[in-house]
């Protein structure tokens, strides 16, 4: 198994165990961060999030689709500090297509069943972020980049 395949397998396992991401959108003159529940597709091409339509982050994504996100497994435990894995993703946010709605809703809710009422509310929409690059940082100094996994 080559190094890229090992990294992709490690990332699949990592994304299955993590539940939230910090999502960066762009407002005029500065970035805006939001803590979001997410689900990552197995091919690592898309990050799926759910948001209300009347939010700053959603408005920001409509106006400028370029986003970044950070997913990590940090803890405040001193002994675990150097074992942190952090993944930054860079991509483009877009609304899901009508023909994807049912399957992506099921996919998202499989990971976050506690959000069912939220996801099915009138004001909620799913957004799919097409990932252009993943930047993996292990132990705060080992860096690896994967372009369009």
N, C-alpha and C. Protein backbone atom coordinates (compact mmCIF):
# COMPACT_ATOMS: atom_id res chain seq x y z
N UNK A 1 0.85 -1.17 0.00
CA UNK A 1 0.00 0.00 0.00
C UNK A 1 0.90 1.24 0.00
N UNK A 2 0.66 2.16 -0.94
CA UNK A 2 1.51 3.34 -1.02
C UNK A 2 1.09 4.37 0.03
N UNK A 3 1.92 5.39 0.17
CA UNK A 3 1.73 6.40 1.21
C UNK A 3 0.43 7.18 1.03
N UNK A 4 0.06 7.52 -0.22
CA UNK A 4 -1.18 8.24 -0.46
C UNK A 4 -2.40 7.40 -0.05
N UNK A 5 -2.37 6.13 -0.40
CA UNK A 5 -3.46 5.23 -0.03
C UNK A 5 -3.56 5.11 1.49
N UNK A 6 -2.43 5.01 2.17
CA UNK A 6 -2.42 4.94 3.63
C UNK A 6 -3.02 6.22 4.23
N UNK A 7 -2.63 7.36 3.68
CA UNK A 7 -3.16 8.63 4.17
C UNK A 7 -4.67 8.70 3.96
N UNK A 8 -5.14 8.32 2.78
CA UNK A 8 -6.58 8.36 2.49
C UNK A 8 -7.34 7.45 3.45
N UNK A 9 -6.82 6.26 3.70
CA UNK A 9 -7.47 5.34 4.64
C UNK A 9 -7.49 5.91 6.06
N UNK A 10 -6.38 6.53 6.46
CA UNK A 10 -6.32 7.16 7.78
C UNK A 10 -7.35 8.30 7.88
N UNK A 11 -7.46 9.08 6.82
CA UNK A 11 -8.41 10.19 6.82
C UNK A 11 -9.86 9.69 6.86
N UNK A 12 -10.16 8.64 6.13
CA UNK A 12 -11.52 8.08 6.18
C UNK A 12 -11.90 7.71 7.61
N UNK A 13 -10.99 7.00 8.29
CA UNK A 13 -11.24 6.61 9.68
C UNK A 13 -11.37 7.85 10.57
N UNK A 14 -10.51 8.80 10.38
CA UNK A 14 -10.52 10.04 11.17
C UNK A 14 -11.83 10.79 11.00
N UNK A 15 -12.28 10.99 9.76
CA UNK A 15 -13.51 11.73 9.51
C UNK A 15 -14.75 11.00 10.04
N UNK A 16 -14.69 9.69 10.10
CA UNK A 16 -15.82 8.92 10.66
C UNK A 16 -15.95 9.16 12.17
N UNK A 17 -14.83 9.39 12.84
CA UNK A 17 -14.86 9.54 14.30
C UNK A 17 -15.09 10.98 14.76
N UNK A 18 -14.83 11.94 13.92
CA UNK A 18 -15.01 13.35 14.31
C UNK A 18 -16.40 13.82 13.90
N UNK A 19 -16.98 14.71 14.70
CA UNK A 19 -18.36 15.12 14.46
C UNK A 19 -18.51 16.59 14.06
N UNK A 20 -17.53 17.43 14.39
CA UNK A 20 -17.68 18.86 14.12
C UNK A 20 -16.45 19.42 13.40
N UNK A 21 -16.70 20.51 12.71
CA UNK A 21 -15.66 21.23 12.00
C UNK A 21 -15.83 22.72 12.26
N UNK A 22 -14.73 23.45 12.17
CA UNK A 22 -14.79 24.91 12.16
C UNK A 22 -14.78 25.31 10.69
N UNK A 23 -15.85 25.95 10.26
CA UNK A 23 -16.02 26.35 8.86
C UNK A 23 -15.72 27.83 8.72
N UNK A 24 -14.81 28.18 7.82
CA UNK A 24 -14.49 29.57 7.54
C UNK A 24 -15.13 30.01 6.24
N UNK A 25 -15.96 31.04 6.34
CA UNK A 25 -16.53 31.68 5.15
C UNK A 25 -15.96 33.08 5.09
N UNK A 26 -16.24 33.79 4.00
CA UNK A 26 -15.65 35.11 3.82
C UNK A 26 -16.72 36.20 3.86
N UNK A 27 -16.54 37.13 4.78
CA UNK A 27 -17.35 38.34 4.81
C UNK A 27 -16.51 39.46 4.21
N UNK A 28 -17.12 40.56 3.84
CA UNK A 28 -16.32 41.67 3.31
C UNK A 28 -15.25 42.10 4.31
N UNK A 29 -14.01 41.89 3.94
CA UNK A 29 -12.90 42.35 4.76
C UNK A 29 -12.36 41.40 5.79
N UNK A 30 -13.04 40.29 6.04
CA UNK A 30 -12.53 39.37 7.05
C UNK A 30 -13.23 38.00 6.95
N UNK A 31 -12.56 36.97 7.48
CA UNK A 31 -13.20 35.65 7.52
C UNK A 31 -14.21 35.58 8.66
N UNK A 32 -15.09 34.60 8.59
CA UNK A 32 -16.11 34.35 9.62
C UNK A 32 -16.11 32.86 9.90
N UNK A 33 -15.99 32.47 11.18
CA UNK A 33 -15.93 31.07 11.57
C UNK A 33 -17.22 30.59 12.20
N UNK A 34 -17.59 29.35 11.90
CA UNK A 34 -18.78 28.73 12.47
C UNK A 34 -18.45 27.29 12.83
N UNK A 35 -18.93 26.85 13.97
CA UNK A 35 -18.79 25.45 14.37
C UNK A 35 -19.96 24.68 13.76
N UNK A 36 -19.67 23.61 13.03
CA UNK A 36 -20.68 22.90 12.25
C UNK A 36 -20.55 21.38 12.43
N UNK A 37 -21.69 20.71 12.45
CA UNK A 37 -21.70 19.25 12.32
C UNK A 37 -21.43 18.94 10.84
N UNK A 38 -20.75 17.84 10.57
CA UNK A 38 -20.43 17.51 9.18
C UNK A 38 -20.48 16.01 8.95
N UNK A 39 -20.54 15.66 7.68
CA UNK A 39 -20.34 14.28 7.23
C UNK A 39 -19.46 14.35 5.98
N UNK A 40 -18.43 13.53 5.95
CA UNK A 40 -17.49 13.49 4.82
C UNK A 40 -17.80 12.27 3.96
N UNK A 41 -17.88 12.47 2.65
CA UNK A 41 -18.10 11.33 1.77
C UNK A 41 -16.87 10.42 1.78
N UNK A 42 -17.09 9.14 1.53
CA UNK A 42 -16.02 8.15 1.58
C UNK A 42 -14.90 8.42 0.58
N UNK A 43 -15.25 9.05 -0.54
CA UNK A 43 -14.21 9.35 -1.53
C UNK A 43 -13.42 10.61 -1.16
N UNK A 44 -13.77 11.24 -0.06
CA UNK A 44 -13.12 12.46 0.45
C UNK A 44 -13.27 13.64 -0.51
N UNK A 45 -14.25 13.60 -1.37
CA UNK A 45 -14.46 14.70 -2.32
C UNK A 45 -15.42 15.76 -1.81
N UNK A 46 -16.30 15.39 -0.85
CA UNK A 46 -17.32 16.34 -0.40
C UNK A 46 -17.50 16.30 1.11
N UNK A 47 -17.61 17.48 1.68
CA UNK A 47 -18.00 17.66 3.07
C UNK A 47 -19.44 18.16 3.05
N UNK A 48 -20.32 17.50 3.78
CA UNK A 48 -21.74 17.87 3.81
C UNK A 48 -22.04 18.52 5.15
N UNK A 49 -22.68 19.68 5.10
CA UNK A 49 -23.10 20.38 6.32
C UNK A 49 -24.57 20.74 6.20
N UNK A 50 -25.19 21.01 7.34
CA UNK A 50 -26.58 21.47 7.38
C UNK A 50 -26.59 22.84 8.05
N UNK A 51 -27.32 23.77 7.47
CA UNK A 51 -27.41 25.11 8.05
C UNK A 51 -28.77 25.72 7.76
N UNK A 52 -29.16 26.65 8.58
CA UNK A 52 -30.35 27.41 8.29
C UNK A 52 -30.02 28.41 7.18
N UNK A 53 -31.00 28.69 6.35
CA UNK A 53 -30.79 29.59 5.21
C UNK A 53 -30.59 31.03 5.63
N UNK A 54 -31.17 31.43 6.74
CA UNK A 54 -31.07 32.83 7.18
C UNK A 54 -29.94 33.02 8.18
N UNK A 55 -28.74 32.60 7.79
CA UNK A 55 -27.57 32.75 8.66
C UNK A 55 -26.46 33.49 7.93
N UNK A 56 -25.56 34.06 8.69
CA UNK A 56 -24.41 34.75 8.09
C UNK A 56 -23.59 33.79 7.24
N UNK A 57 -23.33 32.59 7.76
CA UNK A 57 -22.48 31.66 7.02
C UNK A 57 -23.10 31.27 5.68
N UNK A 58 -24.41 31.05 5.67
CA UNK A 58 -25.07 30.67 4.42
C UNK A 58 -25.02 31.84 3.43
N UNK A 59 -25.33 33.03 3.89
CA UNK A 59 -25.24 34.22 3.04
C UNK A 59 -23.82 34.37 2.49
N UNK A 60 -22.82 34.17 3.36
CA UNK A 60 -21.43 34.27 2.93
C UNK A 60 -21.10 33.25 1.83
N UNK A 61 -21.58 32.02 1.98
CA UNK A 61 -21.29 30.98 0.99
C UNK A 61 -21.98 31.25 -0.34
N UNK A 62 -23.18 31.86 -0.28
CA UNK A 62 -23.88 32.22 -1.51
C UNK A 62 -23.11 33.32 -2.25
N UNK A 63 -22.60 34.26 -1.50
CA UNK A 63 -21.91 35.41 -2.08
C UNK A 63 -20.49 35.04 -2.57
N UNK A 64 -19.81 34.17 -1.80
CA UNK A 64 -18.44 33.76 -2.14
C UNK A 64 -18.31 32.29 -1.76
N UNK A 65 -18.27 31.42 -2.75
CA UNK A 65 -18.31 29.97 -2.48
C UNK A 65 -17.02 29.40 -1.91
N UNK A 66 -15.94 30.17 -1.95
CA UNK A 66 -14.67 29.68 -1.41
C UNK A 66 -14.72 29.58 0.10
N UNK A 67 -14.44 28.39 0.63
CA UNK A 67 -14.47 28.16 2.08
C UNK A 67 -13.24 27.35 2.49
N UNK A 68 -13.00 27.34 3.78
CA UNK A 68 -12.00 26.47 4.38
C UNK A 68 -12.63 25.87 5.63
N UNK A 69 -12.13 24.72 6.03
CA UNK A 69 -12.62 24.10 7.27
C UNK A 69 -11.47 23.41 7.97
N UNK A 70 -11.62 23.25 9.27
CA UNK A 70 -10.63 22.57 10.08
C UNK A 70 -11.33 21.51 10.91
N UNK A 71 -10.80 20.30 10.84
CA UNK A 71 -11.28 19.19 11.65
C UNK A 71 -10.07 18.66 12.41
N UNK A 72 -10.21 18.50 13.71
CA UNK A 72 -9.07 18.01 14.50
C UNK A 72 -9.55 17.12 15.64
N UNK A 73 -8.61 16.46 16.25
CA UNK A 73 -8.93 15.58 17.37
C UNK A 73 -8.21 16.04 18.64
N UNK A 74 -7.98 17.31 18.77
CA UNK A 74 -7.24 17.83 19.93
C UNK A 74 -7.99 17.58 21.22
N UNK A 75 -7.21 17.57 22.25
CA UNK A 75 -7.78 17.51 23.59
C UNK A 75 -6.94 18.44 24.46
N UNK A 76 -7.43 18.74 25.61
CA UNK A 76 -6.66 19.59 26.52
C UNK A 76 -5.75 18.77 27.42
N UNK A 77 -5.65 17.50 27.13
CA UNK A 77 -4.79 16.61 27.90
C UNK A 77 -3.34 16.81 27.45
N UNK A 78 -2.52 17.22 28.36
CA UNK A 78 -1.11 17.52 28.07
C UNK A 78 -0.39 16.33 27.42
N UNK A 79 -0.69 15.12 27.87
CA UNK A 79 -0.02 13.93 27.34
C UNK A 79 -0.43 13.61 25.91
N UNK A 80 -1.59 14.09 25.47
CA UNK A 80 -2.09 13.83 24.13
C UNK A 80 -1.77 14.95 23.13
N UNK A 81 -1.23 16.03 23.63
CA UNK A 81 -1.05 17.23 22.84
C UNK A 81 -0.30 16.98 21.52
N UNK A 82 0.77 16.24 21.57
CA UNK A 82 1.56 15.99 20.36
C UNK A 82 0.98 14.89 19.48
N UNK A 83 -0.11 14.27 19.90
CA UNK A 83 -0.76 13.24 19.09
C UNK A 83 -1.92 13.81 18.28
N UNK A 84 -2.07 15.12 18.31
CA UNK A 84 -3.16 15.76 17.60
C UNK A 84 -3.01 15.60 16.09
N UNK A 85 -4.12 15.33 15.45
CA UNK A 85 -4.20 15.30 13.99
C UNK A 85 -5.16 16.42 13.60
N UNK A 86 -4.74 17.28 12.71
CA UNK A 86 -5.58 18.39 12.23
C UNK A 86 -5.59 18.37 10.71
N UNK A 87 -6.78 18.52 10.16
CA UNK A 87 -6.93 18.52 8.70
C UNK A 87 -7.65 19.80 8.30
N UNK A 88 -7.00 20.57 7.44
CA UNK A 88 -7.62 21.76 6.85
C UNK A 88 -8.06 21.39 5.45
N UNK A 89 -9.28 21.74 5.13
CA UNK A 89 -9.79 21.53 3.78
C UNK A 89 -10.07 22.87 3.12
N UNK A 90 -9.81 22.92 1.84
CA UNK A 90 -10.09 24.12 1.05
C UNK A 90 -10.99 23.69 -0.10
N UNK A 91 -12.09 24.43 -0.29
CA UNK A 91 -13.00 24.02 -1.34
C UNK A 91 -14.04 25.05 -1.69
N UNK A 92 -15.04 24.58 -2.42
CA UNK A 92 -16.12 25.42 -2.92
C UNK A 92 -17.45 24.90 -2.40
N UNK A 93 -18.22 25.79 -1.77
CA UNK A 93 -19.54 25.42 -1.25
C UNK A 93 -20.58 25.63 -2.32
N UNK A 94 -21.54 24.70 -2.36
CA UNK A 94 -22.66 24.88 -3.29
C UNK A 94 -23.88 24.17 -2.75
N UNK A 95 -25.01 24.67 -3.16
CA UNK A 95 -26.27 24.05 -2.76
C UNK A 95 -26.35 22.66 -3.38
N UNK A 96 -27.04 21.77 -2.70
CA UNK A 96 -27.20 20.44 -3.26
C UNK A 96 -28.30 20.48 -4.32
N UNK A 97 -28.19 19.57 -5.26
CA UNK A 97 -29.20 19.43 -6.31
C UNK A 97 -30.42 18.72 -5.74
N UNK A 98 -31.57 18.97 -6.31
CA UNK A 98 -32.80 18.34 -5.84
C UNK A 98 -32.70 16.81 -5.88
N UNK A 99 -32.05 16.27 -6.92
CA UNK A 99 -31.94 14.81 -7.04
C UNK A 99 -30.96 14.20 -6.02
N UNK A 100 -30.18 15.03 -5.31
CA UNK A 100 -29.26 14.55 -4.28
C UNK A 100 -29.84 14.67 -2.88
N UNK A 101 -30.90 15.43 -2.76
CA UNK A 101 -31.41 15.82 -1.44
C UNK A 101 -31.69 14.62 -0.54
N UNK A 102 -32.43 13.66 -1.03
CA UNK A 102 -32.81 12.51 -0.20
C UNK A 102 -31.60 11.70 0.23
N UNK A 103 -30.71 11.37 -0.70
CA UNK A 103 -29.57 10.53 -0.35
C UNK A 103 -28.59 11.26 0.57
N UNK A 104 -28.37 12.56 0.34
CA UNK A 104 -27.43 13.30 1.19
C UNK A 104 -28.03 13.57 2.57
N UNK A 105 -29.34 13.75 2.64
CA UNK A 105 -29.98 13.91 3.94
C UNK A 105 -29.83 12.63 4.76
N UNK A 106 -30.09 11.49 4.14
CA UNK A 106 -29.92 10.21 4.81
C UNK A 106 -28.47 10.02 5.24
N UNK A 107 -27.53 10.34 4.34
CA UNK A 107 -26.11 10.21 4.63
C UNK A 107 -25.72 11.07 5.83
N UNK A 108 -26.16 12.33 5.84
CA UNK A 108 -25.84 13.24 6.94
C UNK A 108 -26.45 12.75 8.25
N UNK A 109 -27.72 12.34 8.20
CA UNK A 109 -28.41 11.92 9.42
C UNK A 109 -27.91 10.58 9.95
N UNK A 110 -27.31 9.75 9.12
CA UNK A 110 -26.70 8.52 9.61
C UNK A 110 -25.60 8.84 10.62
N UNK A 111 -24.91 9.93 10.40
CA UNK A 111 -23.84 10.35 11.31
C UNK A 111 -24.38 11.19 12.45
N UNK A 112 -25.44 11.95 12.20
CA UNK A 112 -25.98 12.90 13.19
C UNK A 112 -27.49 12.70 13.38
N UNK A 113 -27.92 11.55 13.87
CA UNK A 113 -29.36 11.32 14.03
C UNK A 113 -30.01 12.32 15.00
N UNK A 114 -29.24 12.85 15.91
CA UNK A 114 -29.76 13.83 16.87
C UNK A 114 -30.19 15.14 16.22
N UNK A 115 -29.81 15.35 14.95
CA UNK A 115 -30.14 16.58 14.24
C UNK A 115 -31.32 16.42 13.28
N UNK A 116 -32.05 15.32 13.40
CA UNK A 116 -33.14 15.04 12.45
C UNK A 116 -34.17 16.16 12.38
N UNK A 117 -34.63 16.64 13.52
CA UNK A 117 -35.64 17.70 13.53
C UNK A 117 -35.09 18.96 12.86
N UNK A 118 -33.85 19.30 13.17
CA UNK A 118 -33.20 20.47 12.57
C UNK A 118 -33.10 20.32 11.05
N UNK A 119 -32.60 19.19 10.60
CA UNK A 119 -32.37 18.97 9.16
C UNK A 119 -33.68 18.98 8.37
N UNK A 120 -34.75 18.49 8.97
CA UNK A 120 -36.03 18.45 8.27
C UNK A 120 -36.87 19.72 8.44
N UNK A 121 -36.33 20.71 9.14
CA UNK A 121 -37.07 21.96 9.32
C UNK A 121 -37.08 22.75 8.00
N UNK A 122 -38.09 23.59 7.84
CA UNK A 122 -38.27 24.39 6.62
C UNK A 122 -37.08 25.30 6.32
N UNK A 123 -36.45 25.82 7.36
CA UNK A 123 -35.37 26.80 7.20
C UNK A 123 -34.00 26.17 6.95
N UNK A 124 -33.92 24.86 7.04
CA UNK A 124 -32.62 24.19 6.93
C UNK A 124 -32.35 23.76 5.49
N UNK A 125 -31.09 23.82 5.14
CA UNK A 125 -30.66 23.31 3.84
C UNK A 125 -29.33 22.59 4.01
N UNK A 126 -29.08 21.64 3.16
CA UNK A 126 -27.77 21.00 3.14
C UNK A 126 -26.89 21.72 2.13
N UNK A 127 -25.62 21.81 2.46
CA UNK A 127 -24.63 22.41 1.58
C UNK A 127 -23.54 21.37 1.38
N UNK A 128 -23.07 21.29 0.16
CA UNK A 128 -22.00 20.34 -0.14
C UNK A 128 -20.77 21.16 -0.54
N UNK A 129 -19.67 20.83 0.11
CA UNK A 129 -18.41 21.52 -0.16
C UNK A 129 -17.53 20.58 -0.96
N UNK A 130 -17.24 20.99 -2.19
CA UNK A 130 -16.34 20.20 -3.03
C UNK A 130 -14.92 20.52 -2.61
N UNK A 131 -14.19 19.50 -2.22
CA UNK A 131 -12.86 19.70 -1.66
C UNK A 131 -11.82 19.74 -2.78
N UNK A 132 -11.03 20.80 -2.77
CA UNK A 132 -9.94 20.94 -3.73
C UNK A 132 -8.61 20.46 -3.16
N UNK A 133 -8.45 20.64 -1.83
CA UNK A 133 -7.17 20.28 -1.20
C UNK A 133 -7.42 19.96 0.26
N UNK A 134 -6.68 18.97 0.76
CA UNK A 134 -6.65 18.66 2.19
C UNK A 134 -5.21 18.82 2.66
N UNK A 135 -5.04 19.51 3.76
CA UNK A 135 -3.72 19.72 4.35
C UNK A 135 -3.73 19.04 5.72
N UNK A 136 -2.90 18.03 5.87
CA UNK A 136 -2.89 17.21 7.07
C UNK A 136 -1.68 17.60 7.90
N UNK A 137 -1.91 17.87 9.18
CA UNK A 137 -0.82 18.19 10.10
C UNK A 137 -0.86 17.19 11.24
N UNK A 138 0.24 16.47 11.37
CA UNK A 138 0.39 15.50 12.45
C UNK A 138 1.46 16.01 13.40
N UNK A 139 1.21 15.90 14.68
CA UNK A 139 2.18 16.26 15.72
C UNK A 139 2.72 17.68 15.54
N UNK A 140 1.92 18.57 15.03
CA UNK A 140 2.22 19.99 14.88
C UNK A 140 3.37 20.31 13.93
N UNK A 141 3.95 19.32 13.29
CA UNK A 141 5.06 19.64 12.40
C UNK A 141 5.16 18.78 11.15
N UNK A 142 4.50 17.66 11.12
CA UNK A 142 4.50 16.82 9.93
C UNK A 142 3.33 17.24 9.05
N UNK A 143 3.64 17.77 7.87
CA UNK A 143 2.61 18.30 7.00
C UNK A 143 2.57 17.51 5.69
N UNK A 144 1.36 17.17 5.28
CA UNK A 144 1.14 16.46 4.02
C UNK A 144 -0.05 17.11 3.32
N UNK A 145 0.04 17.27 2.02
CA UNK A 145 -1.06 17.85 1.24
C UNK A 145 -1.58 16.84 0.24
N UNK A 146 -2.91 16.81 0.13
CA UNK A 146 -3.56 15.99 -0.88
C UNK A 146 -4.41 16.91 -1.75
N UNK A 147 -4.05 17.01 -3.00
CA UNK A 147 -4.86 17.78 -3.93
C UNK A 147 -6.02 16.93 -4.39
N UNK A 148 -7.18 17.55 -4.44
CA UNK A 148 -8.42 16.92 -4.93
C UNK A 148 -8.39 15.40 -4.79
N UNK A 149 -8.64 14.94 -3.56
CA UNK A 149 -8.56 13.50 -3.30
C UNK A 149 -9.41 12.73 -4.26
